[in-house]
N, C-alpha and C. Protein backbone atom coordinates (compact mmCIF):
# COMPACT_ATOMS: atom_id res chain seq x y z
N MET A 1 104.25 211.23 -188.32
CA MET A 1 104.34 212.73 -187.49
C MET A 1 103.81 212.46 -185.92
N THR A 2 104.50 213.13 -185.52
CA THR A 2 104.47 213.75 -184.08
C THR A 2 103.75 214.50 -183.84
N LEU A 3 103.21 214.14 -182.73
CA LEU A 3 101.64 215.22 -181.96
C LEU A 3 101.88 215.66 -180.05
N PRO A 4 101.43 216.65 -180.32
CA PRO A 4 102.86 217.38 -179.51
C PRO A 4 102.39 216.98 -178.61
N GLU A 5 102.60 217.16 -177.42
CA GLU A 5 102.73 216.43 -175.50
C GLU A 5 101.06 217.19 -175.34
N LEU A 6 100.09 216.36 -175.02
CA LEU A 6 98.39 216.15 -174.56
C LEU A 6 98.48 216.25 -173.10
N PRO A 7 98.31 217.63 -172.87
CA PRO A 7 97.94 217.68 -171.08
C PRO A 7 97.10 217.37 -169.97
N LEU A 8 96.62 216.87 -169.26
CA LEU A 8 96.11 216.28 -168.75
C LEU A 8 94.65 217.24 -168.88
N SER A 9 94.83 218.66 -168.96
CA SER A 9 93.60 219.40 -168.64
C SER A 9 92.88 219.98 -169.56
N THR A 10 93.09 219.07 -170.33
CA THR A 10 92.88 219.67 -172.26
C THR A 10 91.56 218.55 -172.47
N PRO A 11 91.67 217.15 -171.81
CA PRO A 11 90.15 216.21 -172.05
C PRO A 11 89.47 216.69 -170.52
N SER A 12 90.12 217.54 -169.87
CA SER A 12 89.48 217.49 -168.67
C SER A 12 88.20 218.89 -169.32
N LEU A 13 88.57 219.98 -169.41
CA LEU A 13 87.98 220.36 -170.52
C LEU A 13 86.67 220.31 -171.32
N LEU A 14 86.64 218.38 -171.19
CA LEU A 14 85.74 218.33 -172.71
C LEU A 14 84.44 217.84 -171.91
N PHE A 15 84.71 217.15 -170.48
CA PHE A 15 84.29 216.74 -169.99
C PHE A 15 82.36 218.01 -169.34
N PRO A 16 82.96 218.46 -169.20
CA PRO A 16 81.55 219.32 -168.46
C PRO A 16 80.22 219.72 -170.42
N ALA A 17 81.07 220.06 -170.56
CA ALA A 17 80.10 220.01 -171.80
C ALA A 17 79.95 218.75 -172.33
N ILE A 18 80.42 217.46 -172.05
CA ILE A 18 79.58 215.98 -172.27
C ILE A 18 78.70 216.21 -171.57
N SER A 19 78.98 216.27 -170.47
CA SER A 19 77.36 215.99 -169.11
C SER A 19 76.51 217.24 -169.60
N LEU A 20 76.96 218.53 -170.01
CA LEU A 20 75.53 218.62 -169.89
C LEU A 20 74.40 218.65 -171.70
N LEU A 21 75.47 218.38 -172.31
CA LEU A 21 74.52 218.02 -173.52
C LEU A 21 73.83 216.67 -173.61
N MET A 22 74.28 215.71 -172.58
CA MET A 22 73.96 214.56 -172.47
C MET A 22 72.72 214.71 -171.62
N LEU A 23 72.24 215.77 -170.35
CA LEU A 23 71.11 216.48 -169.80
C LEU A 23 69.97 216.79 -170.74
N ALA A 24 70.87 217.54 -171.52
CA ALA A 24 69.68 217.92 -172.98
C ALA A 24 69.20 216.78 -173.57
N TYR A 25 70.62 215.97 -174.18
CA TYR A 25 69.40 214.87 -174.92
C TYR A 25 68.23 214.10 -173.77
N THR A 26 68.75 214.23 -172.56
CA THR A 26 67.63 213.29 -171.58
C THR A 26 66.64 213.90 -171.49
N ASN A 27 66.64 215.27 -171.16
CA ASN A 27 65.33 216.05 -171.39
C ASN A 27 64.51 216.12 -172.86
N ARG A 28 65.49 215.99 -173.54
CA ARG A 28 64.84 216.24 -174.88
C ARG A 28 63.46 214.43 -175.08
N PHE A 29 64.83 213.52 -174.45
CA PHE A 29 64.14 211.87 -174.89
C PHE A 29 62.68 211.81 -173.41
N LEU A 30 63.16 212.61 -172.47
CA LEU A 30 61.79 212.77 -171.59
C LEU A 30 60.52 213.98 -171.83
N GLY A 31 60.92 214.47 -173.09
CA GLY A 31 59.90 215.22 -173.27
C GLY A 31 59.07 214.61 -174.56
N LEU A 32 59.59 214.20 -175.40
CA LEU A 32 59.41 213.24 -176.21
C LEU A 32 58.39 211.81 -176.11
N ALA A 33 59.10 211.32 -175.03
CA ALA A 33 58.18 210.03 -174.26
C ALA A 33 56.92 210.40 -173.82
N ALA A 34 56.90 211.88 -173.46
CA ALA A 34 55.38 212.63 -172.93
C ALA A 34 54.64 212.62 -173.46
N VAL A 35 55.00 212.83 -175.03
CA VAL A 35 54.32 213.18 -176.26
C VAL A 35 53.51 212.11 -176.81
N VAL A 36 54.78 211.16 -176.87
CA VAL A 36 54.18 209.52 -177.16
C VAL A 36 53.24 209.06 -176.46
N ARG A 37 53.09 209.05 -174.73
CA ARG A 37 51.78 208.49 -174.15
C ARG A 37 50.20 209.25 -173.86
N GLY A 38 50.90 210.94 -174.36
CA GLY A 38 49.47 211.28 -174.67
C GLY A 38 49.26 210.95 -175.66
N LEU A 39 49.36 210.96 -176.88
CA LEU A 39 49.33 210.38 -178.46
C LEU A 39 48.50 208.98 -178.35
N HIS A 40 49.79 207.88 -178.19
CA HIS A 40 49.32 206.79 -177.72
C HIS A 40 47.44 206.53 -177.53
N ALA A 41 47.46 207.45 -176.30
CA ALA A 41 46.19 207.60 -175.41
C ALA A 41 45.41 207.43 -176.20
N SER A 42 45.69 208.96 -177.06
CA SER A 42 44.62 209.33 -177.79
C SER A 42 44.11 208.58 -178.64
N TRP A 43 45.18 208.47 -179.63
CA TRP A 43 44.85 206.48 -180.45
C TRP A 43 43.99 205.63 -180.23
N GLN A 44 44.16 204.74 -178.82
CA GLN A 44 43.12 204.01 -177.88
C GLN A 44 42.10 204.24 -178.29
N THR A 45 41.71 205.98 -178.15
CA THR A 45 40.18 206.52 -178.01
C THR A 45 39.75 206.78 -179.66
N THR A 46 40.34 207.42 -180.39
CA THR A 46 39.72 207.31 -181.28
C THR A 46 40.44 206.80 -183.32
N GLN A 47 41.26 206.44 -182.36
CA GLN A 47 41.92 204.95 -184.02
C GLN A 47 41.85 205.96 -185.31
N GLU A 48 42.97 207.22 -184.93
CA GLU A 48 42.71 208.38 -185.75
C GLU A 48 44.50 208.33 -186.66
N PRO A 49 43.93 207.74 -188.45
CA PRO A 49 45.43 207.00 -188.75
C PRO A 49 46.84 208.19 -188.66
N MET A 50 46.68 209.40 -188.15
CA MET A 50 47.26 210.48 -188.41
C MET A 50 48.00 211.00 -187.41
N LEU A 51 47.28 210.38 -186.06
CA LEU A 51 47.52 209.99 -184.92
C LEU A 51 49.06 209.18 -185.03
N LEU A 52 48.16 207.96 -185.49
CA LEU A 52 49.11 206.33 -185.95
C LEU A 52 50.76 207.30 -186.63
N ALA A 53 50.90 208.16 -187.79
CA ALA A 53 51.73 208.25 -188.19
C ALA A 53 52.62 209.22 -187.39
N GLN A 54 52.03 209.99 -186.62
CA GLN A 54 52.70 210.87 -185.84
C GLN A 54 53.59 210.06 -184.54
N ILE A 55 53.11 209.41 -184.10
CA ILE A 55 53.81 207.92 -183.49
C ILE A 55 54.60 207.37 -183.87
N GLY A 56 55.09 207.09 -185.14
CA GLY A 56 55.57 206.32 -186.11
C GLY A 56 56.57 207.64 -185.90
N SER A 57 56.45 208.61 -186.82
CA SER A 57 57.56 209.89 -187.09
C SER A 57 58.30 209.83 -185.39
N LEU A 58 57.49 209.94 -183.90
CA LEU A 58 58.19 210.36 -182.74
C LEU A 58 58.85 208.98 -182.64
N ARG A 59 58.58 207.44 -183.12
CA ARG A 59 59.58 206.71 -182.77
C ARG A 59 60.84 206.66 -183.15
N LYS A 60 61.02 207.50 -184.98
CA LYS A 60 62.09 207.39 -185.41
C LYS A 60 63.08 208.57 -184.67
N ARG A 61 62.48 209.87 -184.22
CA ARG A 61 62.93 210.70 -183.07
C ARG A 61 63.78 210.13 -182.00
N ILE A 62 63.25 209.29 -181.62
CA ILE A 62 63.20 208.37 -180.61
C ILE A 62 64.57 207.45 -180.44
N GLN A 63 64.41 207.45 -181.08
CA GLN A 63 65.60 206.36 -181.14
C GLN A 63 67.24 206.57 -182.17
N ILE A 64 66.65 208.48 -183.35
CA ILE A 64 68.09 208.66 -183.05
C ILE A 64 68.29 209.72 -181.31
N ILE A 65 67.26 210.03 -180.66
CA ILE A 65 68.13 210.29 -179.36
C ILE A 65 68.43 209.27 -178.62
N MET A 66 68.62 208.76 -178.82
CA MET A 66 68.45 207.50 -178.48
C MET A 66 70.27 207.09 -178.03
N HIS A 67 70.78 207.22 -180.46
CA HIS A 67 71.56 206.84 -180.65
C HIS A 67 72.26 208.03 -179.91
N MET A 68 72.49 208.72 -180.17
CA MET A 68 72.70 210.61 -180.04
C MET A 68 73.31 210.37 -178.47
N GLN A 69 72.84 209.62 -177.22
CA GLN A 69 72.77 209.46 -176.18
C GLN A 69 74.10 208.22 -176.05
N THR A 70 74.06 207.18 -176.72
CA THR A 70 75.05 206.37 -176.53
C THR A 70 76.18 206.84 -177.05
N LEU A 71 75.96 207.71 -178.28
CA LEU A 71 77.48 208.32 -178.74
C LEU A 71 77.62 209.18 -177.67
N GLY A 72 76.92 209.95 -177.07
CA GLY A 72 77.42 210.93 -175.72
C GLY A 72 78.06 210.11 -174.89
N VAL A 73 77.05 209.18 -174.26
CA VAL A 73 78.41 208.47 -173.02
C VAL A 73 79.44 208.00 -173.69
N LEU A 74 79.31 207.27 -174.93
CA LEU A 74 80.60 206.23 -175.33
C LEU A 74 82.12 207.68 -175.25
N SER A 75 81.63 208.58 -175.83
CA SER A 75 82.37 210.13 -176.00
C SER A 75 83.13 210.11 -174.09
N LEU A 76 82.29 210.46 -173.66
CA LEU A 76 82.49 210.41 -172.08
C LEU A 76 83.39 209.43 -171.79
N MET A 77 83.13 208.15 -171.87
CA MET A 77 83.88 206.89 -171.46
C MET A 77 84.99 207.28 -172.10
N PHE A 78 85.42 207.72 -173.42
CA PHE A 78 87.12 207.92 -174.34
C PHE A 78 87.91 209.16 -173.39
N CYS A 79 86.81 210.05 -173.37
CA CYS A 79 87.36 211.45 -172.55
C CYS A 79 87.94 210.53 -171.26
N VAL A 80 87.12 209.85 -170.20
CA VAL A 80 87.80 209.50 -169.22
C VAL A 80 88.49 208.49 -169.42
N ALA A 81 88.97 207.86 -170.21
CA ALA A 81 89.74 206.93 -170.43
C ALA A 81 90.95 207.59 -170.55
N SER A 82 90.71 209.06 -172.00
CA SER A 82 92.12 209.47 -172.38
C SER A 82 92.55 210.58 -171.21
N MET A 83 91.86 210.67 -170.07
CA MET A 83 92.52 211.62 -168.30
C MET A 83 93.45 210.30 -168.28
N THR A 84 92.60 209.29 -167.72
CA THR A 84 93.45 208.18 -167.03
C THR A 84 94.97 208.27 -167.48
N LEU A 85 94.70 207.55 -168.67
CA LEU A 85 96.15 207.73 -169.71
C LEU A 85 97.28 208.37 -169.72
N LEU A 86 97.02 209.79 -169.28
CA LEU A 86 97.46 210.68 -169.51
C LEU A 86 98.18 210.93 -167.65
N PHE A 87 97.53 210.69 -167.34
CA PHE A 87 97.44 210.49 -165.88
C PHE A 87 98.85 209.67 -165.23
N PHE A 88 98.94 208.43 -166.02
CA PHE A 88 99.65 207.61 -165.84
C PHE A 88 100.83 207.37 -167.15
N GLY A 89 101.28 208.54 -168.03
CA GLY A 89 102.22 208.55 -168.67
C GLY A 89 101.85 208.01 -169.46
N GLN A 90 100.52 207.95 -170.40
CA GLN A 90 100.67 207.06 -171.85
C GLN A 90 99.91 207.91 -172.42
N GLN A 91 100.78 209.13 -173.32
CA GLN A 91 100.76 209.73 -174.14
C GLN A 91 100.45 209.86 -175.39
N THR A 92 100.25 208.52 -175.64
CA THR A 92 100.38 208.09 -177.28
C THR A 92 98.36 207.40 -176.97
N GLY A 93 98.36 207.18 -175.94
CA GLY A 93 96.86 206.00 -176.07
C GLY A 93 96.26 207.17 -175.47
N GLY A 94 96.39 207.98 -174.70
CA GLY A 94 95.95 209.02 -174.25
C GLY A 94 95.58 209.80 -174.97
N GLN A 95 96.48 210.74 -176.55
CA GLN A 95 95.75 211.02 -177.53
C GLN A 95 94.80 210.49 -178.52
N ILE A 96 95.07 209.39 -178.34
CA ILE A 96 94.32 208.38 -179.75
C ILE A 96 92.71 208.42 -178.91
N ALA A 97 92.70 208.07 -177.64
CA ALA A 97 91.06 208.34 -176.40
C ALA A 97 90.94 209.48 -176.93
N PHE A 98 91.72 210.66 -176.36
CA PHE A 98 91.10 211.72 -176.65
C PHE A 98 90.21 211.83 -178.32
N GLY A 99 91.20 211.66 -179.36
CA GLY A 99 90.44 211.86 -180.39
C GLY A 99 89.26 211.69 -180.62
N ILE A 100 89.20 209.79 -180.51
CA ILE A 100 87.63 208.87 -180.62
C ILE A 100 86.91 209.47 -179.83
N SER A 101 87.21 210.39 -178.68
CA SER A 101 85.80 211.18 -177.62
C SER A 101 85.58 212.80 -178.93
N LEU A 102 86.55 213.06 -179.38
CA LEU A 102 86.42 213.90 -180.24
C LEU A 102 85.28 213.68 -181.12
N ILE A 103 85.84 212.29 -181.75
CA ILE A 103 84.93 212.57 -182.87
C ILE A 103 83.52 211.76 -182.65
N LEU A 104 83.55 210.76 -181.58
CA LEU A 104 82.25 210.70 -181.00
C LEU A 104 81.39 211.98 -181.20
N MET A 105 81.75 212.63 -180.45
CA MET A 105 80.91 213.85 -180.25
C MET A 105 80.68 214.43 -181.17
N LEU A 106 80.84 214.47 -181.77
CA LEU A 106 81.17 215.02 -183.34
C LEU A 106 80.08 214.32 -183.86
N ALA A 107 79.58 213.09 -183.78
CA ALA A 107 79.21 212.47 -184.60
C ALA A 107 77.71 212.62 -183.68
N SER A 108 78.04 212.77 -182.27
CA SER A 108 77.00 213.01 -181.21
C SER A 108 75.99 214.17 -181.91
N LEU A 109 76.79 215.15 -182.29
CA LEU A 109 76.44 216.46 -182.52
C LEU A 109 75.85 216.48 -183.66
N GLY A 110 75.78 215.60 -184.61
CA GLY A 110 75.90 215.18 -186.43
C GLY A 110 74.09 214.91 -186.13
N LEU A 111 74.11 213.89 -185.09
CA LEU A 111 72.69 213.09 -185.03
C LEU A 111 71.59 214.03 -184.33
N SER A 112 72.04 214.63 -183.46
CA SER A 112 71.40 215.99 -182.87
C SER A 112 70.94 216.82 -183.61
N LEU A 113 71.40 217.39 -184.89
CA LEU A 113 71.45 218.33 -186.11
C LEU A 113 70.18 217.16 -186.65
N VAL A 114 70.40 216.04 -186.93
CA VAL A 114 69.54 215.69 -187.80
C VAL A 114 68.43 215.35 -187.16
N GLU A 115 68.18 215.27 -185.98
CA GLU A 115 66.52 214.94 -185.04
C GLU A 115 65.78 216.68 -184.69
N ILE A 116 66.58 217.72 -185.06
CA ILE A 116 66.52 219.11 -184.61
C ILE A 116 65.23 219.29 -186.14
N GLN A 117 66.28 218.69 -187.08
CA GLN A 117 65.55 218.87 -188.72
C GLN A 117 64.48 218.51 -188.52
N ARG A 118 64.46 217.39 -188.13
CA ARG A 118 62.98 216.37 -187.80
C ARG A 118 62.33 217.19 -186.98
N SER A 119 62.87 217.00 -186.03
CA SER A 119 61.56 218.02 -184.93
C SER A 119 61.26 218.80 -186.00
N GLY A 120 61.56 219.29 -186.70
CA GLY A 120 61.24 221.36 -187.20
C GLY A 120 60.00 221.14 -188.27
N ALA A 121 61.08 220.11 -189.04
CA ALA A 121 59.96 219.61 -189.87
C ALA A 121 58.33 219.01 -189.66
N ALA A 122 57.95 217.97 -188.43
CA ALA A 122 57.56 217.70 -188.05
C ALA A 122 56.64 218.58 -187.70
N LEU A 123 56.69 219.53 -187.25
CA LEU A 123 55.98 220.81 -186.49
C LEU A 123 55.67 221.74 -187.41
N ASP A 124 56.13 221.70 -188.83
CA ASP A 124 56.19 222.19 -189.60
C ASP A 124 54.09 221.69 -190.33
N LEU A 125 54.75 220.87 -190.73
CA LEU A 125 53.56 220.07 -190.71
C LEU A 125 52.33 220.06 -189.90
N GLN A 126 52.20 219.91 -188.86
CA GLN A 126 51.49 220.31 -187.34
C GLN A 126 50.83 221.32 -187.95
N LEU A 127 51.27 222.09 -188.16
CA LEU A 127 50.85 223.51 -188.24
C LEU A 127 50.24 224.17 -189.96
N ARG A 128 50.70 222.81 -190.67
CA ARG A 128 50.16 223.58 -191.56
C ARG A 128 48.96 224.14 -192.88
N ASP A 129 48.10 223.41 -192.01
CA ASP A 129 46.52 223.34 -192.05
C ASP A 129 45.86 224.81 -190.83
N VAL A 130 47.44 225.45 -190.38
CA VAL A 130 46.83 227.13 -189.72
C VAL A 130 47.15 228.28 -189.93
N LYS A 131 46.26 229.50 -190.57
CA LYS A 131 46.38 230.27 -191.04
C LYS A 131 46.65 231.50 -190.11
N CYS A 132 47.43 231.91 -190.76
CA CYS A 132 47.68 233.20 -189.09
C CYS A 132 47.09 234.11 -189.83
N ARG A 133 45.99 235.00 -188.89
CA ARG A 133 45.67 236.50 -188.65
C ARG A 133 46.87 237.48 -188.96
N ASP A 134 47.93 237.54 -189.18
CA ASP A 134 48.44 238.74 -189.93
C ASP A 134 49.05 238.44 -190.64
N GLN A 135 48.53 237.62 -191.72
CA GLN A 135 48.57 237.40 -193.13
C GLN A 135 48.31 238.75 -193.58
């Protein structure tokens, strides 16, 4: 199977998207880190088991974000490799590197979806005991 020629501009279109995703992932990581620090300080004074459970849940979410970031960085690296290979006329290598970049980005986005679902579930558990006045 012969693939059509991949212009150098195609991988370069993915470059800013990956960079913005990495910024969003980093902001999410920093936000969770601040919450963990606050919960840890509360746990040291109160020793509430519920806080320990929340910290454990946050630890798992932070690990997911770290994996998202790793896959995003690898995607960016393969995108750069693809552009470099295409620049030097290595069409097949450039296409393969670009395909790997897309797969890594898809995996990163999949983990992002998992983390968003966990985040929503955690918030739902936190708010479960709150009754809305409008009901």
